[in-house]
Amino acid sequence: MIQQLPSLNALLNGTSALLLILGLVFIKQGNVHAHRKCMLAAFVFSVLFLISYLTYHSVAGHTVFKPGIPWVRTLYLVILWTHIPLAGLVPVLALRLFYLARKRRFKCHAALARWAFPIWMYVSVTGVVIYVTLYHLFPSR
């Protein structure tokens, strides 16, 4: 069971990315109700990812990346080192966006979303890239 969590994590990240895109499409179309549902669902999938990720790493420890090709390791580390701090920002940004929307401060919400959306999208997509790199392109186990 625990060995399947990285695949689940990638699925949760990928689903979050798709929901983010749908949420953007819906708000551009003026469909606030569908936008709200997609963004809330993206947040739920991100929270489920975090729970699954922490569960996996609390049991399995960390995964060592040894591709044998120096530039691949460098590229992987650049992606990882940008992914990690930005991933820490996503919950803060998302909760602030929810707060602003709840208070009907839509101009502030939209201004922050212009920054938060690409960060959240980057984190979701690079989460899948990290998974594919670690477990399919250069598996170490």
Protein backbone atom coordinates (compact mmCIF):
# COMPACT_ATOMS: atom_id res chain seq x y z
CA MET A 1 0.00 0.00 0.00
CA ILE A 2 2.67 2.52 1.00
CA GLN A 3 4.51 1.92 -2.30
CA GLN A 4 1.47 3.20 -4.19
CA LEU A 5 1.38 6.57 -2.46
CA PRO A 6 3.83 8.30 -4.85
CA SER A 7 1.53 7.39 -7.76
CA LEU A 8 -1.46 8.63 -5.78
CA ASN A 9 0.43 11.84 -5.02
CA ALA A 10 1.08 12.43 -8.72
CA LEU A 11 -2.58 11.79 -9.49
CA LEU A 12 -3.66 14.26 -6.80
CA ASN A 13 -1.22 16.90 -8.09
CA GLY A 14 -2.30 16.36 -11.68
CA THR A 15 -5.96 16.58 -10.73
CA SER A 16 -5.30 19.79 -8.85
CA ALA A 17 -3.62 21.26 -11.94
CA LEU A 18 -6.57 20.31 -14.16
CA LEU A 19 -9.02 21.83 -11.67
CA LEU A 20 -6.96 25.02 -11.58
CA ILE A 21 -7.13 25.30 -15.36
CA LEU A 22 -10.88 24.66 -15.33
CA GLY A 23 -11.30 27.25 -12.58
CA LEU A 24 -9.44 29.80 -14.68
CA VAL A 25 -11.55 29.00 -17.75
CA PHE A 26 -14.77 29.31 -15.76
CA ILE A 27 -13.90 32.67 -14.21
CA LYS A 28 -12.87 34.02 -17.63
CA GLN A 29 -16.31 32.94 -18.87
CA GLY A 30 -17.94 34.68 -15.90
CA ASN A 31 -19.13 31.43 -14.34
CA VAL A 32 -18.33 32.28 -10.72
CA HIS A 33 -20.21 29.28 -9.30
CA ALA A 34 -18.22 26.75 -11.35
CA HIS A 35 -15.00 28.67 -10.66
CA ARG A 36 -15.62 28.50 -6.93
CA LYS A 37 -16.28 24.75 -7.07
CA CYS A 38 -13.14 24.06 -9.11
CA MET A 39 -10.90 26.14 -6.88
CA LEU A 40 -12.27 24.56 -3.71
CA ALA A 41 -11.81 21.10 -5.25
CA ALA A 42 -8.24 22.00 -6.30
CA PHE A 43 -7.52 22.99 -2.71
CA VAL A 44 -9.02 19.75 -1.37
CA PHE A 45 -6.91 17.69 -3.79
CA SER A 46 -3.82 19.66 -2.73
CA VAL A 47 -4.58 19.00 0.95
CA LEU A 48 -5.11 15.30 0.22
CA PHE A 49 -1.77 15.32 -1.61
CA LEU A 50 -0.05 16.86 1.40
CA ILE A 51 -1.52 14.25 3.76
CA SER A 52 -0.50 11.43 1.43
CA TYR A 53 2.97 12.91 0.86
CA LEU A 54 3.66 13.30 4.58
CA THR A 55 2.34 9.81 5.27
CA TYR A 56 4.57 8.28 2.62
CA HIS A 57 7.72 10.09 3.70
CA SER A 58 7.12 9.45 7.39
CA VAL A 59 7.18 5.70 6.61
CA ALA A 60 9.49 5.42 3.59
CA GLY A 61 11.94 8.23 4.35
CA HIS A 62 13.40 10.34 1.59
CA THR A 63 14.14 9.22 -1.94
CA VAL A 64 17.69 9.58 -3.22
CA PHE A 65 18.05 10.79 -6.80
CA LYS A 66 21.13 9.35 -8.56
CA PRO A 67 20.63 9.50 -12.32
CA GLY A 68 24.34 9.14 -13.18
CA ILE A 69 24.08 12.10 -15.57
CA PRO A 70 25.27 15.34 -13.92
CA TRP A 71 23.11 17.77 -15.94
CA VAL A 72 19.98 15.68 -15.24
CA ARG A 73 20.69 15.84 -11.50
CA THR A 74 21.25 19.61 -11.74
CA LEU A 75 17.99 20.14 -13.64
CA TYR A 76 16.11 17.91 -11.18
CA LEU A 77 17.53 19.81 -8.20
CA VAL A 78 16.63 23.19 -9.72
CA ILE A 79 13.05 21.99 -10.18
CA LEU A 80 12.95 20.50 -6.68
CA TRP A 81 14.51 23.55 -4.99
CA THR A 82 12.02 25.89 -6.64
CA HIS A 83 9.11 23.50 -6.06
CA ILE A 84 9.61 23.13 -2.30
CA PRO A 85 9.48 26.78 -1.16
CA LEU A 86 6.70 27.60 -3.61
CA ALA A 87 4.73 24.59 -2.31
CA GLY A 88 4.96 26.14 1.14
CA LEU A 89 3.39 29.35 -0.22
CA VAL A 90 0.42 27.67 -1.93
CA PRO A 91 -1.69 27.00 1.20
CA VAL A 92 -1.10 30.55 2.46
CA LEU A 93 -2.02 32.07 -0.90
CA ALA A 94 -5.05 29.81 -1.34
CA LEU A 95 -6.40 30.56 2.13
CA ARG A 96 -5.91 34.29 1.55
CA LEU A 97 -7.75 34.02 -1.79
CA PHE A 98 -10.62 32.17 -0.11
CA TYR A 99 -10.76 34.86 2.57
CA LEU A 100 -10.82 37.69 0.03
CA ALA A 101 -13.56 35.97 -1.99
CA ARG A 102 -15.60 35.28 1.16
CA LYS A 103 -15.35 38.97 2.11
CA ARG A 104 -16.37 39.85 -1.46
CA ARG A 105 -13.12 41.76 -2.03
CA PHE A 106 -12.98 40.62 -5.62
CA LYS A 107 -10.50 43.23 -6.90
CA CYS A 108 -7.96 42.19 -4.25
CA HIS A 109 -8.81 38.54 -4.90
CA ALA A 110 -8.19 38.93 -8.64
CA ALA A 111 -4.94 40.86 -8.09
CA LEU A 112 -3.56 38.17 -5.77
CA ALA A 113 -4.82 35.37 -8.02
CA ARG A 114 -2.67 36.74 -10.87
CA TRP A 115 0.35 35.78 -8.74
CA ALA A 116 -1.07 32.78 -6.91
CA PHE A 117 -2.40 30.91 -9.95
CA PRO A 118 0.96 30.46 -11.74
CA ILE A 119 2.66 29.52 -8.46
CA TRP A 120 0.02 26.93 -7.61
CA MET A 121 0.05 25.62 -11.17
CA TYR A 122 3.85 25.39 -11.16
CA VAL A 123 3.80 23.46 -7.88
CA SER A 124 1.13 21.05 -9.12
CA VAL A 125 2.82 20.40 -12.46
CA THR A 126 6.35 20.13 -11.08
CA GLY A 127 5.03 17.71 -8.46
CA VAL A 128 4.07 15.39 -11.31
CA VAL A 129 7.41 16.03 -13.07
CA ILE A 130 9.30 15.13 -9.89
CA TYR A 131 7.28 11.93 -9.53
CA VAL A 132 7.86 10.87 -13.15
CA THR A 133 11.55 11.66 -12.86
CA LEU A 134 12.05 9.78 -9.58
CA TYR A 135 9.87 6.75 -10.20
CA HIS A 136 9.81 6.25 -13.97
CA LEU A 137 12.68 7.98 -15.76
CA PHE A 138 15.43 7.39 -13.17
CA PRO A 139 14.13 5.00 -10.51
CA SER A 140 16.63 4.33 -7.73
CA ARG A 141 14.79 1.43 -6.11
